[in-house]
């Protein structure tokens, strides 16, 4: 049995929603902690995936490639999801 799936163009939708998804995923963080987490994600991606600082679109205003911006934005979302899951599994949050 064959299934035919119509190919949809989600590129524009993903570009617009990735930062919002990331922010809502970290809604329990204060603005300062959120910025520290975002900086950590960027540093982690630069170290682990050998991405140079000038290749990160939000750190380099001269980056023009929309495909690269989409890819890096989704990569940031994936790394954030991984770290948030790891944090929830390994740290117990206590309320004082």
C-alpha atoms as a PDB file:
ATOM      1  CA  UNK A   1       0.000   0.000   0.000  1.00  0.00           C
ATOM      2  CA  UNK A   2       1.413   3.388  -0.973  1.00  0.00           C
ATOM      3  CA  UNK A   3       0.703   6.669   0.714  1.00  0.00           C
ATOM      4  CA  UNK A   4       1.104   9.914  -1.121  1.00  0.00           C
ATOM      5  CA  UNK A   5       1.965  12.873   1.032  1.00  0.00           C
ATOM      6  CA  UNK A   6       1.782  16.357  -0.347  1.00  0.00           C
ATOM      7  CA  UNK A   7       5.032  18.179   0.285  1.00  0.00           C
ATOM      8  CA  UNK A   8       4.352  21.334   2.270  1.00  0.00           C
ATOM      9  CA  UNK A   9       6.597  24.351   2.560  1.00  0.00           C
ATOM     10  CA  UNK A  10       7.083  24.850   6.311  1.00  0.00           C
ATOM     11  CA  UNK A  11      10.238  26.922   5.993  1.00  0.00           C
ATOM     12  CA  UNK A  12       8.674  30.297   6.701  1.00  0.00           C
ATOM     13  CA  UNK A  13       6.528  28.974   9.527  1.00  0.00           C
ATOM     14  CA  UNK A  14       9.503  27.329  11.267  1.00  0.00           C
ATOM     15  CA  UNK A  15      11.615  30.497  11.061  1.00  0.00           C
ATOM     16  CA  UNK A  16       8.903  32.496  12.762  1.00  0.00           C
ATOM     17  CA  UNK A  17       8.044  29.955  15.437  1.00  0.00           C
ATOM     18  CA  UNK A  18      11.434  28.591  16.565  1.00  0.00           C
ATOM     19  CA  UNK A  19      12.278  31.558  18.857  1.00  0.00           C
ATOM     20  CA  UNK A  20       8.763  31.518  20.299  1.00  0.00           C
ATOM     21  CA  UNK A  21       8.951  27.791  20.957  1.00  0.00           C
ATOM     22  CA  UNK A  22      12.302  28.253  22.667  1.00  0.00           C
ATOM     23  CA  UNK A  23      10.977  31.066  24.857  1.00  0.00           C
ATOM     24  CA  UNK A  24       7.858  29.138  25.853  1.00  0.00           C
ATOM     25  CA  UNK A  25       9.979  26.067  26.603  1.00  0.00           C
ATOM     26  CA  UNK A  26      11.963  28.175  29.091  1.00  0.00           C
ATOM     27  CA  UNK A  27       9.082  30.206  30.516  1.00  0.00           C
ATOM     28  CA  UNK A  28      10.009  29.232  34.074  1.00  0.00           C
ATOM     29  CA  UNK A  29      13.306  31.135  33.782  1.00  0.00           C
ATOM     30  CA  UNK A  30      13.716  34.782  34.673  1.00  0.00           C
ATOM     31  CA  UNK A  31      14.771  37.052  31.783  1.00  0.00           C
ATOM     32  CA  UNK A  32      18.349  37.128  33.096  1.00  0.00           C
ATOM     33  CA  UNK A  33      18.545  33.327  33.469  1.00  0.00           C
ATOM     34  CA  UNK A  34      16.957  32.907  30.033  1.00  0.00           C
ATOM     35  CA  UNK A  35      19.649  35.101  28.454  1.00  0.00           C
ATOM     36  CA  UNK A  36      22.355  33.130  30.275  1.00  0.00           C
ATOM     37  CA  UNK A  37      20.812  29.890  28.973  1.00  0.00           C
ATOM     38  CA  UNK A  38      20.705  31.226  25.401  1.00  0.00           C
ATOM     39  CA  UNK A  39      24.340  32.328  25.641  1.00  0.00           C
ATOM     40  CA  UNK A  40      25.237  28.876  26.965  1.00  0.00           C
ATOM     41  CA  UNK A  41      23.459  27.250  23.995  1.00  0.00           C
ATOM     42  CA  UNK A  42      25.376  29.397  21.512  1.00  0.00           C
ATOM     43  CA  UNK A  43      28.695  28.665  23.233  1.00  0.00           C
ATOM     44  CA  UNK A  44      27.895  24.937  23.366  1.00  0.00           C
ATOM     45  CA  UNK A  45      27.062  24.833  19.648  1.00  0.00           C
ATOM     46  CA  UNK A  46      30.258  26.710  18.778  1.00  0.00           C
ATOM     47  CA  UNK A  47      32.377  24.297  20.812  1.00  0.00           C
ATOM     48  CA  UNK A  48      30.712  20.983  20.012  1.00  0.00           C
ATOM     49  CA  UNK A  49      29.862  21.503  16.350  1.00  0.00           C
ATOM     50  CA  UNK A  50      32.912  23.601  15.469  1.00  0.00           C
ATOM     51  CA  UNK A  51      30.813  26.588  14.396  1.00  0.00           C
ATOM     52  CA  UNK A  52      32.725  29.845  14.303  1.00  0.00           C
ATOM     53  CA  UNK A  53      31.339  32.941  16.020  1.00  0.00           C
ATOM     54  CA  UNK A  54      30.924  34.778  12.725  1.00  0.00           C
ATOM     55  CA  UNK A  55      28.733  31.901  11.447  1.00  0.00           C
ATOM     56  CA  UNK A  56      26.078  32.390  14.138  1.00  0.00           C
ATOM     57  CA  UNK A  57      23.438  34.630  12.477  1.00  0.00           C
ATOM     58  CA  UNK A  58      22.379  36.574  15.589  1.00  0.00           C
ATOM     59  CA  UNK A  59      26.011  37.312  16.451  1.00  0.00           C
ATOM     60  CA  UNK A  60      26.877  38.426  12.911  1.00  0.00           C
ATOM     61  CA  UNK A  61      24.560  40.993  11.298  1.00  0.00           C
ATOM     62  CA  UNK A  62      26.183  40.405   7.874  1.00  0.00           C
ATOM     63  CA  UNK A  63      24.865  36.831   7.604  1.00  0.00           C
ATOM     64  CA  UNK A  64      22.462  36.804   4.642  1.00  0.00           C
ATOM     65  CA  UNK A  65      21.613  33.121   4.113  1.00  0.00           C
ATOM     66  CA  UNK A  66      18.033  32.402   5.201  1.00  0.00           C
ATOM     67  CA  UNK A  67      18.607  28.632   5.004  1.00  0.00           C
ATOM     68  CA  UNK A  68      21.567  28.902   7.368  1.00  0.00           C
ATOM     69  CA  UNK A  69      19.564  31.065   9.790  1.00  0.00           C
ATOM     70  CA  UNK A  70      16.779  28.481   9.753  1.00  0.00           C
ATOM     71  CA  UNK A  71      19.198  25.609  10.315  1.00  0.00           C
ATOM     72  CA  UNK A  72      21.030  27.294  13.199  1.00  0.00           C
ATOM     73  CA  UNK A  73      17.727  28.360  14.787  1.00  0.00           C
ATOM     74  CA  UNK A  74      16.436  24.789  14.690  1.00  0.00           C
ATOM     75  CA  UNK A  75      19.769  23.484  15.954  1.00  0.00           C
ATOM     76  CA  UNK A  76      19.534  25.889  18.894  1.00  0.00           C
ATOM     77  CA  UNK A  77      16.031  24.580  19.590  1.00  0.00           C
ATOM     78  CA  UNK A  78      17.218  20.958  19.524  1.00  0.00           C
ATOM     79  CA  UNK A  79      20.141  21.638  21.862  1.00  0.00           C
ATOM     80  CA  UNK A  80      17.856  23.581  24.222  1.00  0.00           C
ATOM     81  CA  UNK A  81      15.373  20.710  24.315  1.00  0.00           C
ATOM     82  CA  UNK A  82      18.167  18.274  25.131  1.00  0.00           C
ATOM     83  CA  UNK A  83      19.566  20.429  27.971  1.00  0.00           C
ATOM     84  CA  UNK A  84      16.151  21.185  29.457  1.00  0.00           C
ATOM     85  CA  UNK A  85      15.274  17.463  29.524  1.00  0.00           C
ATOM     86  CA  UNK A  86      18.642  16.609  31.047  1.00  0.00           C
ATOM     87  CA  UNK A  87      18.217  19.284  33.686  1.00  0.00           C
ATOM     88  CA  UNK A  88      14.739  18.035  34.617  1.00  0.00           C
ATOM     89  CA  UNK A  89      15.973  14.459  34.940  1.00  0.00           C
ATOM     90  CA  UNK A  90      19.095  15.193  36.980  1.00  0.00           C
ATOM     91  CA  UNK A  91      18.132  18.081  39.225  1.00  0.00           C
ATOM     92  CA  UNK A  92      15.347  18.211  41.725  1.00  0.00           C
ATOM     93  CA  UNK A  93      13.745  21.627  41.934  1.00  0.00           C
ATOM     94  CA  UNK A  94      12.772  22.636  45.431  1.00  0.00           C
ATOM     95  CA  UNK A  95      10.427  25.387  46.498  1.00  0.00           C
ATOM     96  CA  UNK A  96      11.394  27.375  49.537  1.00  0.00           C
END
